[in-house]
């Protein structure tokens, strides 16, 4: 054996000894948790996750990731599995294991405590079920209306800034499941409601009294889709202090609140 080959074997043997001395990683332990991994994970998050979870991970279309506990697991291995394998409706990101672990490291570096929110949630709750009339359209764990999104987990999904935007600019982003349509039938019936589903030949609407209407398009004289929101802009209806109180109430909704 030449000296060069002998030196290579010695180097390989030394590497094996170092790995053995370090011992195996704990099950589920993040192997990429250094400061450089956290920084890389932030960049990966911005590229792959921020469009749904917000640039600072405080939520948007999908949950606020700065607030723990998460609904589907909090250990590093559980968060890794969620990112790698996805949840219903969550797109596959195609990232390799190292990149996913780095995102886990970044999320772990974020504040896991309660988010500080100004305002009085008790007064906000009274406004929600009282003068602001939010419960006419929105449900919280079974109490309230069905003409708007269920808010039982809204504090887990959205941070205070996103909640404020939703209250001040409700028409800025309306998800397709809350698009509406106004129709008139050839029989003279006028119907206005949420579009439950639609294809080339039919449309189903849910009206303001929770009545379901299945209609054939050939039987319609008019079909006007309304892609804005019926929710009023609360900047005109509430004082700044009242708005802050409602945000404080909403920010605390995590599936536990049982309504009025």
Protein backbone atom coordinates (compact mmCIF):
# COMPACT_ATOMS: atom_id res chain seq x y z
CA UNK A 1 0.00 0.00 0.00
CA UNK A 2 1.43 3.36 -0.96
CA UNK A 3 1.89 6.10 1.63
CA UNK A 4 -0.84 8.22 -0.03
CA UNK A 5 -3.41 5.42 0.22
CA UNK A 6 -2.30 4.67 3.77
CA UNK A 7 -2.78 8.33 4.75
CA UNK A 8 -6.32 8.33 3.25
CA UNK A 9 -7.27 5.25 5.25
CA UNK A 10 -5.94 6.85 8.44
CA UNK A 11 -7.96 9.99 7.77
CA UNK A 12 -11.15 7.97 7.16
CA UNK A 13 -10.59 5.94 10.33
CA UNK A 14 -10.12 9.14 12.36
CA UNK A 15 -13.40 10.54 11.00
CA UNK A 16 -15.23 7.35 12.04
CA UNK A 17 -13.79 7.62 15.55
CA UNK A 18 -14.89 11.25 15.84
CA UNK A 19 -18.44 10.43 14.75
CA UNK A 20 -18.60 7.53 17.20
CA UNK A 21 -17.27 9.70 20.02
CA UNK A 22 -19.92 12.31 19.36
CA UNK A 23 -22.62 9.65 19.85
CA UNK A 24 -25.89 9.30 17.95
CA UNK A 25 -28.30 12.20 17.77
CA UNK A 26 -31.28 12.03 20.06
CA UNK A 27 -34.42 10.77 18.27
CA UNK A 28 -36.18 13.74 16.71
CA UNK A 29 -33.35 16.11 17.57
CA UNK A 30 -32.66 18.80 14.99
CA UNK A 31 -29.21 18.14 13.49
CA UNK A 32 -29.14 21.63 11.96
CA UNK A 33 -29.67 24.03 14.85
CA UNK A 34 -26.63 26.31 14.70
CA UNK A 35 -26.99 30.07 14.29
CA UNK A 36 -26.04 29.72 10.61
CA UNK A 37 -28.84 27.16 10.18
CA UNK A 38 -31.37 29.51 11.79
CA UNK A 39 -30.33 32.29 9.38
CA UNK A 40 -30.57 29.93 6.41
CA UNK A 41 -33.94 28.68 7.70
CA UNK A 42 -35.28 32.23 7.77
CA UNK A 43 -34.40 32.69 4.10
CA UNK A 44 -35.98 29.34 3.22
CA UNK A 45 -39.11 30.31 5.16
CA UNK A 46 -39.37 33.63 3.31
CA UNK A 47 -39.04 31.87 -0.04
CA UNK A 48 -41.32 28.90 0.60
CA UNK A 49 -43.71 29.71 3.46
CA UNK A 50 -44.24 33.47 3.78
CA UNK A 51 -46.92 33.75 1.09
CA UNK A 52 -49.30 31.87 3.42
CA UNK A 53 -47.83 32.44 6.91
CA UNK A 54 -46.63 36.03 6.50
CA UNK A 55 -43.11 37.36 6.10
CA UNK A 56 -42.54 37.48 9.86
CA UNK A 57 -44.52 34.26 10.51
CA UNK A 58 -47.37 36.09 12.24
CA UNK A 59 -50.00 34.59 9.96
CA UNK A 60 -51.97 35.41 6.85
CA UNK A 61 -54.05 32.88 4.94
CA UNK A 62 -52.51 30.28 7.25
CA UNK A 63 -51.67 30.21 10.97
CA UNK A 64 -49.49 32.49 13.04
CA UNK A 65 -46.35 30.41 13.68
CA UNK A 66 -44.95 32.65 16.39
CA UNK A 67 -47.59 31.47 18.82
CA UNK A 68 -47.22 28.14 20.55
CA UNK A 69 -48.52 25.55 21.12
CA UNK A 70 -49.18 24.49 17.55
CA UNK A 71 -52.32 22.45 16.96
CA UNK A 72 -50.54 19.56 15.22
CA UNK A 73 -47.41 19.12 17.31
CA UNK A 74 -44.64 21.16 18.90
CA UNK A 75 -41.59 18.88 19.07
CA UNK A 76 -38.96 19.44 16.40
CA UNK A 77 -39.65 16.04 14.83
CA UNK A 78 -43.39 16.80 14.65
CA UNK A 79 -42.83 20.20 13.05
CA UNK A 80 -40.37 18.59 10.62
CA UNK A 81 -43.00 16.00 9.66
CA UNK A 82 -45.67 18.67 9.09
CA UNK A 83 -43.39 20.69 6.80
CA UNK A 84 -42.08 17.62 4.98
CA UNK A 85 -45.36 15.76 4.56
CA UNK A 86 -47.87 18.61 4.67
CA UNK A 87 -51.40 18.85 6.04
CA UNK A 88 -54.70 18.80 4.09
CA UNK A 89 -54.66 21.77 1.72
CA UNK A 90 -50.97 22.49 2.32
CA UNK A 91 -48.84 22.42 -0.85
CA UNK A 92 -45.84 20.12 -1.06
CA UNK A 93 -42.68 22.21 -0.97
CA UNK A 94 -40.18 19.72 -2.41
CA UNK A 95 -37.48 20.66 0.11
CA UNK A 96 -34.74 18.24 1.16
CA UNK A 97 -34.35 17.16 4.79
CA UNK A 98 -31.60 19.67 5.55
CA UNK A 99 -33.69 22.60 4.34
CA UNK A 100 -36.72 21.45 6.33
CA UNK A 101 -34.65 21.07 9.50
CA UNK A 102 -33.32 24.60 8.99
CA UNK A 103 -36.87 25.97 8.77
CA UNK A 104 -37.64 24.06 11.98
CA UNK A 105 -34.62 25.73 13.58
CA UNK A 106 -35.83 29.16 12.46
CA UNK A 107 -39.34 28.58 13.80
CA UNK A 108 -37.85 27.35 17.07
CA UNK A 109 -35.93 30.62 17.37
CA UNK A 110 -39.12 32.66 17.31
CA UNK A 111 -40.95 33.71 20.42
CA UNK A 112 -43.00 30.82 21.75
CA UNK A 113 -44.67 32.75 24.51
CA UNK A 114 -47.95 34.65 24.49
CA UNK A 115 -48.07 37.56 22.07
CA UNK A 116 -48.46 40.88 23.84
CA UNK A 117 -51.69 42.49 22.67
CA UNK A 118 -52.97 45.88 23.76
CA UNK A 119 -56.59 46.37 24.75
CA UNK A 120 -59.13 44.75 27.04
CA UNK A 121 -60.38 41.38 25.72
CA UNK A 122 -63.40 41.41 28.04
CA UNK A 123 -64.63 44.71 26.62
CA UNK A 124 -63.79 43.41 23.15
CA UNK A 125 -65.91 40.31 23.76
CA UNK A 126 -68.83 42.48 24.86
CA UNK A 127 -68.51 44.51 21.65
CA UNK A 128 -68.23 41.35 19.52
CA UNK A 129 -71.52 39.96 20.85
CA UNK A 130 -73.07 43.38 21.37
CA UNK A 131 -72.92 46.67 19.53
CA UNK A 132 -70.45 45.54 16.83
CA UNK A 133 -72.84 42.67 15.91
CA UNK A 134 -69.98 40.40 14.84
CA UNK A 135 -71.81 37.28 16.03
CA UNK A 136 -74.59 37.85 13.52
CA UNK A 137 -72.25 36.50 10.84
CA UNK A 138 -69.34 34.87 12.68
CA UNK A 139 -69.33 31.79 14.88
CA UNK A 140 -67.08 31.11 17.86
CA UNK A 141 -67.13 27.45 18.91
CA UNK A 142 -70.75 26.91 17.95
CA UNK A 143 -72.18 30.30 19.01
CA UNK A 144 -73.02 32.85 16.32
CA UNK A 145 -73.89 33.00 12.64
CA UNK A 146 -72.69 31.15 9.55
CA UNK A 147 -72.62 34.02 7.07
CA UNK A 148 -68.91 34.64 7.63
CA UNK A 149 -65.77 32.69 8.57
CA UNK A 150 -65.71 30.69 11.80
CA UNK A 151 -63.46 32.62 14.19
CA UNK A 152 -62.97 29.92 16.83
CA UNK A 153 -59.24 29.68 16.03
CA UNK A 154 -58.63 33.11 14.51
CA UNK A 155 -56.18 34.13 17.25
CA UNK A 156 -54.10 31.06 16.45
CA UNK A 157 -54.20 31.84 12.71
CA UNK A 158 -53.66 35.61 12.66
CA UNK A 159 -51.49 38.02 14.58
CA UNK A 160 -52.75 41.38 15.91
CA UNK A 161 -51.59 43.32 12.83
CA UNK A 162 -53.39 40.95 10.45
CA UNK A 163 -56.53 41.13 12.62
CA UNK A 164 -56.47 44.91 12.47
CA UNK A 165 -56.16 44.84 8.68
CA UNK A 166 -59.08 42.40 8.44
CA UNK A 167 -61.27 44.75 10.50
CA UNK A 168 -60.25 47.94 8.72
CA UNK A 169 -60.05 46.56 5.16
CA UNK A 170 -62.37 43.52 5.01
CA UNK A 171 -62.54 43.59 1.21
CA UNK A 172 -58.76 43.56 0.70
CA UNK A 173 -58.60 39.76 0.53
CA UNK A 174 -61.77 37.67 0.23
CA UNK A 175 -61.23 33.93 -0.03
CA UNK A 176 -63.19 32.17 -2.82
CA UNK A 177 -65.41 30.31 -0.33
CA UNK A 178 -66.88 33.69 0.65
CA UNK A 179 -67.66 34.91 -2.84
CA UNK A 180 -71.32 35.71 -3.41
CA UNK A 181 -73.74 35.87 -6.31
CA UNK A 182 -77.05 37.58 -7.00
CA UNK A 183 -79.35 35.79 -9.43
CA UNK A 184 -82.80 36.22 -10.90
CA UNK A 185 -84.62 33.21 -12.29
CA UNK A 186 -86.96 33.06 -15.25
CA UNK A 187 -89.72 32.36 -12.75
CA UNK A 188 -89.11 35.79 -11.18
CA UNK A 189 -87.24 34.65 -8.05
CA UNK A 190 -84.45 36.87 -6.69
CA UNK A 191 -81.71 35.08 -4.71
CA UNK A 192 -78.56 36.49 -3.14
CA UNK A 193 -76.13 34.20 -1.33
CA UNK A 194 -72.73 32.62 -0.98
CA UNK A 195 -71.51 30.42 -3.82
CA UNK A 196 -71.30 26.93 -2.34
CA UNK A 197 -70.22 25.32 -5.60
CA UNK A 198 -70.51 25.98 -9.32
CA UNK A 199 -69.87 24.18 -12.58
CA UNK A 200 -70.66 24.83 -16.24
CA UNK A 201 -74.34 24.03 -15.84
CA UNK A 202 -75.35 24.62 -12.20
CA UNK A 203 -74.72 26.84 -9.19
CA UNK A 204 -75.64 26.37 -5.53
CA UNK A 205 -76.15 29.35 -3.21
CA UNK A 206 -76.57 29.69 0.56
CA UNK A 207 -78.85 32.62 1.35
CA UNK A 208 -78.95 34.85 4.43
CA UNK A 209 -81.41 32.52 6.17
CA UNK A 210 -79.14 29.50 5.64
CA UNK A 211 -81.38 28.26 2.83
CA UNK A 212 -79.64 26.22 0.14
CA UNK A 213 -80.61 26.83 -3.50
CA UNK A 214 -79.56 24.47 -6.30
CA UNK A 215 -80.09 26.25 -9.61
CA UNK A 216 -79.63 25.37 -13.27
CA UNK A 217 -77.96 28.17 -15.17
CA UNK A 218 -80.30 27.74 -18.12
CA UNK A 219 -83.14 28.76 -15.78
CA UNK A 220 -81.50 32.09 -14.89
CA UNK A 221 -82.05 35.51 -16.42
CA UNK A 222 -79.17 37.09 -14.51
CA UNK A 223 -76.08 35.92 -12.63
CA UNK A 224 -73.91 38.59 -10.99
CA UNK A 225 -70.90 37.44 -8.99
CA UNK A 226 -69.85 39.61 -6.05
CA UNK A 227 -66.23 39.06 -5.05
CA UNK A 228 -66.03 41.73 -2.35
CA UNK A 229 -66.94 41.43 1.33
CA UNK A 230 -70.24 42.28 3.01
CA UNK A 231 -68.40 42.97 6.25
CA UNK A 232 -68.30 46.69 7.10
CA UNK A 233 -65.03 48.53 7.67
CA UNK A 234 -64.97 48.87 11.45
CA UNK A 235 -62.79 51.97 11.38
CA UNK A 236 -66.02 53.90 10.73
CA UNK A 237 -68.05 52.06 13.36
CA UNK A 238 -65.72 51.77 16.36
CA UNK A 239 -63.43 54.16 18.15
CA UNK A 240 -59.71 53.37 18.16
CA UNK A 241 -59.94 52.08 21.76
CA UNK A 242 -62.92 49.88 20.90
CA UNK A 243 -61.13 48.52 17.84
CA UNK A 244 -58.11 47.67 20.00
CA UNK A 245 -60.36 45.88 22.49
CA UNK A 246 -62.00 43.76 19.77
CA UNK A 247 -58.56 42.83 18.43
CA UNK A 248 -57.50 41.81 21.94
CA UNK A 249 -60.52 39.51 22.17
CA UNK A 250 -59.97 37.98 18.73
CA UNK A 251 -56.26 37.47 19.37
CA UNK A 252 -57.14 35.27 22.34
CA UNK A 253 -59.44 32.91 20.41
CA UNK A 254 -57.77 29.51 20.26
CA UNK A 255 -60.66 27.06 20.31
CA UNK A 256 -61.38 27.34 24.04
CA UNK A 257 -63.80 30.30 24.18
CA UNK A 258 -67.40 29.08 24.35
CA UNK A 259 -69.31 32.11 23.20
CA UNK A 260 -71.68 34.33 25.22
